[in-house]
Amino acid sequence: MATDYLQGKRDYDALVKLTNGKKIIGLAETMNAPDPAKSIADGAPWAYWITWARRDWNGNSPKDIKASMNNPLTVSLESKNKN
């Protein structure tokens, strides 16, 4: 189960309630890569996230994406292959 856009914990909680806590909760079509540590601290530990392509109208910089992808809390095919 996924939601579009990152609105915060409110969206995460709504999906948990909708699925009775029995589904993996993801974040689809978000404009900015989330900060994994902040998401967990906020009580919204998204299982996965997908960003839109880089656009001039959002604040998602290559630096932001790199920081999220390099965060030790993020698991990717690249990070799994390094271990």
N, C-alpha and C. Protein backbone atom coordinates (compact mmCIF):
# COMPACT_ATOMS: atom_id res chain seq x y z
N MET A 1 0.87 -1.16 0.00
CA MET A 1 0.00 0.00 0.00
C MET A 1 0.91 1.22 0.00
N ALA A 2 0.59 2.19 -0.83
CA ALA A 2 1.43 3.39 -0.92
C ALA A 2 0.57 4.63 -1.04
N THR A 3 1.18 5.75 -0.73
CA THR A 3 0.55 7.05 -0.88
C THR A 3 1.40 7.91 -1.81
N ASP A 4 0.79 8.88 -2.45
CA ASP A 4 1.52 9.83 -3.27
C ASP A 4 1.80 11.08 -2.43
N TYR A 5 2.94 11.68 -2.70
CA TYR A 5 3.38 12.88 -2.01
C TYR A 5 3.71 12.57 -0.55
N LEU A 6 4.60 13.33 -0.01
CA LEU A 6 4.97 13.14 1.39
C LEU A 6 4.29 14.22 2.21
N GLN A 7 3.26 13.83 2.93
CA GLN A 7 2.56 14.75 3.80
C GLN A 7 2.97 14.55 5.24
N GLY A 8 3.69 13.47 5.52
CA GLY A 8 4.16 13.23 6.87
C GLY A 8 3.47 12.05 7.53
N LYS A 9 3.55 12.04 8.83
CA LYS A 9 3.04 10.94 9.62
C LYS A 9 1.54 10.73 9.42
N ARG A 10 0.81 11.79 9.15
CA ARG A 10 -0.64 11.68 8.93
C ARG A 10 -0.96 10.67 7.82
N ASP A 11 -0.24 10.75 6.70
CA ASP A 11 -0.46 9.80 5.61
C ASP A 11 -0.06 8.39 6.01
N TYR A 12 1.07 8.28 6.69
CA TYR A 12 1.52 6.96 7.13
C TYR A 12 0.47 6.31 8.05
N ASP A 13 0.01 7.06 9.03
CA ASP A 13 -0.98 6.53 9.98
C ASP A 13 -2.28 6.14 9.27
N ALA A 14 -2.70 6.93 8.29
CA ALA A 14 -3.94 6.62 7.57
C ALA A 14 -3.82 5.29 6.82
N LEU A 15 -2.64 5.02 6.24
CA LEU A 15 -2.46 3.76 5.54
C LEU A 15 -2.38 2.58 6.50
N VAL A 16 -1.73 2.77 7.63
CA VAL A 16 -1.68 1.71 8.64
C VAL A 16 -3.10 1.37 9.09
N LYS A 17 -3.90 2.40 9.35
CA LYS A 17 -5.29 2.18 9.77
C LYS A 17 -6.09 1.49 8.67
N LEU A 18 -5.94 1.96 7.44
CA LEU A 18 -6.67 1.39 6.31
C LEU A 18 -6.37 -0.10 6.12
N THR A 19 -5.14 -0.50 6.39
CA THR A 19 -4.72 -1.89 6.18
C THR A 19 -4.71 -2.71 7.47
N ASN A 20 -5.22 -2.11 8.55
CA ASN A 20 -5.20 -2.78 9.86
C ASN A 20 -3.79 -3.19 10.26
N GLY A 21 -2.79 -2.43 9.79
CA GLY A 21 -1.40 -2.71 10.15
C GLY A 21 -0.85 -3.98 9.54
N LYS A 22 -1.49 -4.49 8.48
CA LYS A 22 -1.10 -5.78 7.91
C LYS A 22 -0.42 -5.67 6.54
N LYS A 23 -0.10 -4.46 6.12
CA LYS A 23 0.54 -4.27 4.81
C LYS A 23 1.81 -3.44 4.96
N ILE A 24 2.71 -3.63 4.03
CA ILE A 24 3.91 -2.79 3.97
C ILE A 24 3.48 -1.42 3.47
N ILE A 25 3.97 -0.38 4.10
CA ILE A 25 3.57 0.99 3.77
C ILE A 25 4.71 1.70 3.04
N GLY A 26 4.41 2.17 1.84
CA GLY A 26 5.42 2.85 1.03
C GLY A 26 5.01 4.26 0.67
N LEU A 27 5.97 4.96 0.14
CA LEU A 27 5.78 6.35 -0.27
C LEU A 27 6.09 6.45 -1.76
N ALA A 28 5.05 6.58 -2.57
CA ALA A 28 5.23 6.63 -4.02
C ALA A 28 5.04 8.05 -4.53
N GLU A 29 5.76 8.37 -5.57
CA GLU A 29 5.63 9.67 -6.24
C GLU A 29 5.81 10.85 -5.29
N THR A 30 6.86 10.81 -4.50
CA THR A 30 7.15 11.95 -3.65
C THR A 30 8.09 12.90 -4.38
N MET A 31 7.99 14.17 -4.08
CA MET A 31 8.84 15.15 -4.76
C MET A 31 10.25 15.16 -4.20
N ASN A 32 10.41 14.85 -2.91
CA ASN A 32 11.73 14.92 -2.29
C ASN A 32 12.04 13.62 -1.57
N ALA A 33 13.28 13.21 -1.66
CA ALA A 33 13.72 12.03 -0.94
C ALA A 33 13.61 12.30 0.56
N PRO A 34 12.99 11.40 1.31
CA PRO A 34 12.85 11.64 2.75
C PRO A 34 14.16 11.39 3.49
N ASP A 35 14.26 11.97 4.65
CA ASP A 35 15.38 11.70 5.56
C ASP A 35 14.96 10.48 6.37
N PRO A 36 15.61 9.32 6.16
CA PRO A 36 15.18 8.10 6.85
C PRO A 36 15.16 8.23 8.37
N ALA A 37 16.16 8.84 8.96
CA ALA A 37 16.20 8.98 10.42
C ALA A 37 15.05 9.84 10.93
N LYS A 38 14.75 10.93 10.23
CA LYS A 38 13.64 11.79 10.63
C LYS A 38 12.30 11.06 10.48
N SER A 39 12.14 10.31 9.39
CA SER A 39 10.90 9.55 9.19
C SER A 39 10.68 8.57 10.33
N ILE A 40 11.72 7.86 10.72
CA ILE A 40 11.61 6.90 11.81
C ILE A 40 11.30 7.63 13.12
N ALA A 41 12.01 8.70 13.38
CA ALA A 41 11.79 9.48 14.61
C ALA A 41 10.37 10.04 14.67
N ASP A 42 9.82 10.40 13.50
CA ASP A 42 8.46 10.95 13.43
C ASP A 42 7.39 9.86 13.53
N GLY A 43 7.81 8.59 13.54
CA GLY A 43 6.84 7.49 13.62
C GLY A 43 6.27 7.09 12.28
N ALA A 44 6.99 7.40 11.20
CA ALA A 44 6.54 7.03 9.85
C ALA A 44 7.69 6.33 9.13
N PRO A 45 7.99 5.09 9.52
CA PRO A 45 9.10 4.37 8.91
C PRO A 45 8.72 3.76 7.56
N TRP A 46 8.70 4.59 6.52
CA TRP A 46 8.32 4.13 5.18
C TRP A 46 9.19 2.95 4.76
N ALA A 47 8.58 1.91 4.23
CA ALA A 47 9.33 0.73 3.79
C ALA A 47 10.11 1.03 2.52
N TYR A 48 9.57 1.89 1.69
CA TYR A 48 10.25 2.30 0.46
C TYR A 48 9.73 3.66 0.04
N TRP A 49 10.49 4.30 -0.83
CA TRP A 49 10.07 5.59 -1.38
C TRP A 49 10.60 5.72 -2.80
N ILE A 50 9.84 6.44 -3.60
CA ILE A 50 10.18 6.66 -5.01
C ILE A 50 10.03 8.15 -5.28
N THR A 51 11.08 8.77 -5.77
CA THR A 51 10.99 10.21 -6.07
C THR A 51 10.64 10.43 -7.54
N TRP A 52 10.03 11.56 -7.79
CA TRP A 52 9.82 11.99 -9.16
C TRP A 52 11.17 12.37 -9.74
N ALA A 53 11.23 12.51 -11.02
CA ALA A 53 12.46 12.98 -11.66
C ALA A 53 12.80 14.38 -11.15
N ARG A 54 14.03 14.75 -11.24
CA ARG A 54 14.48 16.08 -10.82
C ARG A 54 13.74 17.13 -11.64
N ARG A 55 13.15 18.06 -10.97
CA ARG A 55 12.42 19.15 -11.60
C ARG A 55 12.87 20.46 -10.97
N ASP A 56 12.77 21.53 -11.72
CA ASP A 56 13.15 22.83 -11.19
C ASP A 56 12.20 23.32 -10.10
N TRP A 57 10.96 22.82 -10.08
CA TRP A 57 9.97 23.33 -9.16
C TRP A 57 9.96 22.62 -7.82
N ASN A 58 10.81 21.63 -7.63
CA ASN A 58 10.87 21.03 -6.29
C ASN A 58 12.25 21.25 -5.69
N GLY A 59 12.38 21.04 -4.42
CA GLY A 59 13.63 21.31 -3.74
C GLY A 59 14.57 20.12 -3.67
N ASN A 60 14.28 19.09 -4.44
CA ASN A 60 15.06 17.86 -4.39
C ASN A 60 16.34 18.01 -5.21
N SER A 61 17.43 18.24 -4.54
CA SER A 61 18.70 18.41 -5.23
C SER A 61 19.42 17.07 -5.33
N PRO A 62 20.36 16.95 -6.24
CA PRO A 62 21.18 15.72 -6.29
C PRO A 62 21.84 15.44 -4.94
N LYS A 63 22.21 16.49 -4.22
CA LYS A 63 22.83 16.33 -2.90
C LYS A 63 21.85 15.68 -1.92
N ASP A 64 20.57 16.12 -1.95
CA ASP A 64 19.54 15.55 -1.07
C ASP A 64 19.31 14.07 -1.37
N ILE A 65 19.22 13.74 -2.64
CA ILE A 65 18.99 12.34 -3.03
C ILE A 65 20.17 11.48 -2.59
N LYS A 66 21.38 11.98 -2.82
CA LYS A 66 22.58 11.24 -2.42
C LYS A 66 22.61 11.02 -0.92
N ALA A 67 22.24 12.04 -0.14
CA ALA A 67 22.23 11.91 1.32
C ALA A 67 21.25 10.84 1.77
N SER A 68 20.06 10.80 1.17
CA SER A 68 19.08 9.77 1.53
C SER A 68 19.56 8.38 1.13
N MET A 69 20.12 8.27 -0.06
CA MET A 69 20.57 6.96 -0.54
C MET A 69 21.78 6.45 0.24
N ASN A 70 22.63 7.36 0.71
CA ASN A 70 23.82 6.95 1.45
C ASN A 70 23.58 6.81 2.95
N ASN A 71 22.39 7.15 3.40
CA ASN A 71 22.07 7.01 4.81
C ASN A 71 22.14 5.53 5.20
N PRO A 72 22.77 5.19 6.32
CA PRO A 72 22.88 3.79 6.72
C PRO A 72 21.53 3.11 6.96
N LEU A 73 20.47 3.88 7.12
CA LEU A 73 19.14 3.30 7.31
C LEU A 73 18.46 2.95 5.99
N THR A 74 19.03 3.38 4.86
CA THR A 74 18.47 3.09 3.55
C THR A 74 19.12 1.84 2.99
N VAL A 75 18.30 0.93 2.51
CA VAL A 75 18.78 -0.29 1.88
C VAL A 75 18.45 -0.20 0.40
N SER A 76 19.45 -0.47 -0.43
CA SER A 76 19.25 -0.48 -1.88
C SER A 76 19.99 -1.67 -2.46
N LEU A 77 19.76 -1.94 -3.72
CA LEU A 77 20.52 -3.02 -4.36
C LEU A 77 22.01 -2.73 -4.31
N GLU A 78 22.38 -1.47 -4.49
CA GLU A 78 23.80 -1.10 -4.41
C GLU A 78 24.37 -1.36 -3.02
N SER A 79 23.64 -0.95 -1.99
CA SER A 79 24.17 -1.13 -0.63
C SER A 79 24.23 -2.61 -0.27
N LYS A 80 23.30 -3.41 -0.74
CA LYS A 80 23.32 -4.85 -0.46
C LYS A 80 24.49 -5.53 -1.15
N ASN A 81 24.85 -5.05 -2.34
CA ASN A 81 25.95 -5.65 -3.09
C ASN A 81 27.31 -5.28 -2.53
N LYS A 82 27.38 -4.23 -1.72
CA LYS A 82 28.66 -3.80 -1.12
C LYS A 82 29.02 -4.67 0.07
N ASN A 83 28.05 -5.32 0.68
CA ASN A 83 28.30 -6.13 1.89
C ASN A 83 28.71 -7.53 1.54
